[in-house]
Amino acid sequence: PGERLPEFDDKGYLIDFEAWTPELAAELAAEDEVGELTAAHWRIIDFLRGFQAKHDGAPRIRVLCAETGFSLKEIYELFPDGPARGACRVAGLPRPDSCV
């Protein structure tokens, strides 16, 4: 009866949104070569998690940029794999349907 490891889909996205933890975010960030999570990373992660919880989906790029105050270029600097592959994955969101 040890702790169950979170499950991921075939693309590496967390299956259960509720299984996410800040520690898991740090592990995923390290795997994706994002590096140490800074306050800027957390601003994006927290926004994505809140949006997902409220709307049951990831925000469009322009909403993400407008709400967090980051340009798309800055988001790519923080998450080199981009908003969908990088930020959404680290934030524990399911794989986005659209190009976030």
C-alpha atoms as a PDB file:
ATOM      1  CA  PRO A   1       0.000   0.000   0.000  1.00  0.00           C
ATOM      2  CA  GLY A   2       2.517   2.605  -1.114  1.00  0.00           C
ATOM      3  CA  GLU A   3       1.666   5.875  -2.715  1.00  0.00           C
ATOM      4  CA  ARG A   4       0.354   5.448  -6.253  1.00  0.00           C
ATOM      5  CA  LEU A   5       2.352   7.091  -8.981  1.00  0.00           C
ATOM      6  CA  PRO A   6       0.406   9.442 -11.218  1.00  0.00           C
ATOM      7  CA  GLU A   7      -0.491   8.055 -14.637  1.00  0.00           C
ATOM      8  CA  PHE A   8       0.404   9.759 -17.904  1.00  0.00           C
ATOM      9  CA  ASP A   9      -0.965   9.402 -21.427  1.00  0.00           C
ATOM     10  CA  ASP A  10       1.163   8.343 -24.391  1.00  0.00           C
ATOM     11  CA  LYS A  11       2.322  11.946 -24.927  1.00  0.00           C
ATOM     12  CA  GLY A  12       3.411  12.445 -21.312  1.00  0.00           C
ATOM     13  CA  TYR A  13       0.422  14.424 -20.049  1.00  0.00           C
ATOM     14  CA  LEU A  14      -1.022  13.732 -16.611  1.00  0.00           C
ATOM     15  CA  ILE A  15      -4.285  11.772 -16.879  1.00  0.00           C
ATOM     16  CA  ASP A  16      -5.809  12.808 -13.537  1.00  0.00           C
ATOM     17  CA  PHE A  17      -5.787  16.605 -13.032  1.00  0.00           C
ATOM     18  CA  GLU A  18      -6.265  16.033  -9.277  1.00  0.00           C
ATOM     19  CA  ALA A  19      -3.104  13.891  -9.025  1.00  0.00           C
ATOM     20  CA  TRP A  20      -0.896  16.947  -9.706  1.00  0.00           C
ATOM     21  CA  THR A  21       1.326  18.385  -6.976  1.00  0.00           C
ATOM     22  CA  PRO A  22       3.852  21.245  -6.958  1.00  0.00           C
ATOM     23  CA  GLU A  23       6.554  18.602  -6.457  1.00  0.00           C
ATOM     24  CA  LEU A  24       5.383  16.784  -9.592  1.00  0.00           C
ATOM     25  CA  ALA A  25       5.521  20.102 -11.475  1.00  0.00           C
ATOM     26  CA  ALA A  26       9.162  20.481 -10.445  1.00  0.00           C
ATOM     27  CA  GLU A  27       9.912  16.924 -11.649  1.00  0.00           C
ATOM     28  CA  LEU A  28       8.191  17.507 -15.001  1.00  0.00           C
ATOM     29  CA  ALA A  29       9.986  20.836 -15.410  1.00  0.00           C
ATOM     30  CA  ALA A  30      13.325  19.088 -14.830  1.00  0.00           C
ATOM     31  CA  GLU A  31      12.397  16.346 -17.355  1.00  0.00           C
ATOM     32  CA  ASP A  32      11.462  18.975 -19.940  1.00  0.00           C
ATOM     33  CA  GLU A  33      14.643  20.992 -19.281  1.00  0.00           C
ATOM     34  CA  VAL A  34      12.616  23.983 -18.073  1.00  0.00           C
ATOM     35  CA  GLY A  35      14.944  24.343 -15.118  1.00  0.00           C
ATOM     36  CA  GLU A  36      14.156  25.687 -11.674  1.00  0.00           C
ATOM     37  CA  LEU A  37      10.564  26.937 -11.447  1.00  0.00           C
ATOM     38  CA  THR A  38      10.558  30.671 -10.762  1.00  0.00           C
ATOM     39  CA  ALA A  39       7.748  33.023  -9.704  1.00  0.00           C
ATOM     40  CA  ALA A  40       7.169  33.694 -13.419  1.00  0.00           C
ATOM     41  CA  HIS A  41       6.706  29.970 -14.115  1.00  0.00           C
ATOM     42  CA  TRP A  42       4.314  29.679 -11.181  1.00  0.00           C
ATOM     43  CA  ARG A  43       2.249  32.631 -12.428  1.00  0.00           C
ATOM     44  CA  ILE A  44       1.619  30.723 -15.662  1.00  0.00           C
ATOM     45  CA  ILE A  45       1.131  27.348 -13.929  1.00  0.00           C
ATOM     46  CA  ASP A  46      -1.332  28.780 -11.397  1.00  0.00           C
ATOM     47  CA  PHE A  47      -3.295  30.555 -14.135  1.00  0.00           C
ATOM     48  CA  LEU A  48      -3.456  27.383 -16.271  1.00  0.00           C
ATOM     49  CA  ARG A  49      -4.613  25.252 -13.325  1.00  0.00           C
ATOM     50  CA  GLY A  50      -7.260  27.783 -12.328  1.00  0.00           C
ATOM     51  CA  PHE A  51      -8.517  28.130 -15.900  1.00  0.00           C
ATOM     52  CA  GLN A  52      -8.648  24.331 -16.353  1.00  0.00           C
ATOM     53  CA  ALA A  53     -10.566  23.888 -13.088  1.00  0.00           C
ATOM     54  CA  LYS A  54     -13.101  26.564 -14.026  1.00  0.00           C
ATOM     55  CA  HIS A  55     -13.508  25.917 -17.765  1.00  0.00           C
ATOM     56  CA  ASP A  56     -12.488  22.248 -18.091  1.00  0.00           C
ATOM     57  CA  GLY A  57      -9.999  23.101 -20.804  1.00  0.00           C
ATOM     58  CA  ALA A  58      -6.850  25.033 -21.526  1.00  0.00           C
ATOM     59  CA  PRO A  59      -7.039  28.709 -22.486  1.00  0.00           C
ATOM     60  CA  ARG A  60      -6.247  29.964 -25.954  1.00  0.00           C
ATOM     61  CA  ILE A  61      -2.836  31.585 -26.399  1.00  0.00           C
ATOM     62  CA  ARG A  62      -4.142  35.150 -26.443  1.00  0.00           C
ATOM     63  CA  VAL A  63      -6.061  34.556 -23.192  1.00  0.00           C
ATOM     64  CA  LEU A  64      -2.956  33.055 -21.566  1.00  0.00           C
ATOM     65  CA  CYS A  65      -0.846  36.037 -22.657  1.00  0.00           C
ATOM     66  CA  ALA A  66      -3.462  38.649 -21.708  1.00  0.00           C
ATOM     67  CA  GLU A  67      -4.190  37.153 -18.290  1.00  0.00           C
ATOM     68  CA  THR A  68      -0.596  36.458 -17.245  1.00  0.00           C
ATOM     69  CA  GLY A  69       0.980  39.549 -18.826  1.00  0.00           C
ATOM     70  CA  PHE A  70       3.568  37.469 -20.694  1.00  0.00           C
ATOM     71  CA  SER A  71       4.165  37.649 -24.441  1.00  0.00           C
ATOM     72  CA  LEU A  72       4.256  34.407 -26.399  1.00  0.00           C
ATOM     73  CA  LYS A  73       8.023  34.916 -26.778  1.00  0.00           C
ATOM     74  CA  GLU A  74       8.384  35.166 -22.967  1.00  0.00           C
ATOM     75  CA  ILE A  75       6.303  32.024 -22.471  1.00  0.00           C
ATOM     76  CA  TYR A  76       8.637  30.156 -24.855  1.00  0.00           C
ATOM     77  CA  GLU A  77      11.616  31.513 -22.900  1.00  0.00           C
ATOM     78  CA  LEU A  78      10.108  30.100 -19.685  1.00  0.00           C
ATOM     79  CA  PHE A  79       8.813  26.871 -21.256  1.00  0.00           C
ATOM     80  CA  PRO A  80      11.004  26.013 -24.289  1.00  0.00           C
ATOM     81  CA  ASP A  81       8.486  23.392 -25.485  1.00  0.00           C
ATOM     82  CA  GLY A  82       5.835  26.120 -25.649  1.00  0.00           C
ATOM     83  CA  PRO A  83       2.543  26.709 -23.902  1.00  0.00           C
ATOM     84  CA  ALA A  84       0.902  23.381 -24.766  1.00  0.00           C
ATOM     85  CA  ARG A  85       3.745  20.882 -24.556  1.00  0.00           C
ATOM     86  CA  GLY A  86       5.664  22.778 -21.911  1.00  0.00           C
ATOM     87  CA  ALA A  87       3.444  24.875 -19.672  1.00  0.00           C
ATOM     88  CA  CYS A  88       0.284  22.733 -19.807  1.00  0.00           C
ATOM     89  CA  ARG A  89       2.252  19.541 -19.150  1.00  0.00           C
ATOM     90  CA  VAL A  90       4.094  21.005 -16.152  1.00  0.00           C
ATOM     91  CA  ALA A  91       0.807  22.432 -14.838  1.00  0.00           C
ATOM     92  CA  GLY A  92      -0.739  18.951 -14.950  1.00  0.00           C
ATOM     93  CA  LEU A  93      -3.377  19.750 -17.552  1.00  0.00           C
ATOM     94  CA  PRO A  94      -4.600  17.072 -19.936  1.00  0.00           C
ATOM     95  CA  ARG A  95      -3.222  17.269 -23.441  1.00  0.00           C
ATOM     96  CA  PRO A  96      -4.910  20.295 -25.053  1.00  0.00           C
ATOM     97  CA  ASP A  97      -7.182  19.590 -28.024  1.00  0.00           C
ATOM     98  CA  SER A  98      -6.411  22.825 -29.786  1.00  0.00           C
ATOM     99  CA  CYS A  99      -3.083  24.476 -30.229  1.00  0.00           C
ATOM    100  CA  VAL A 100      -2.978  26.408 -26.999  1.00  0.00           C
END
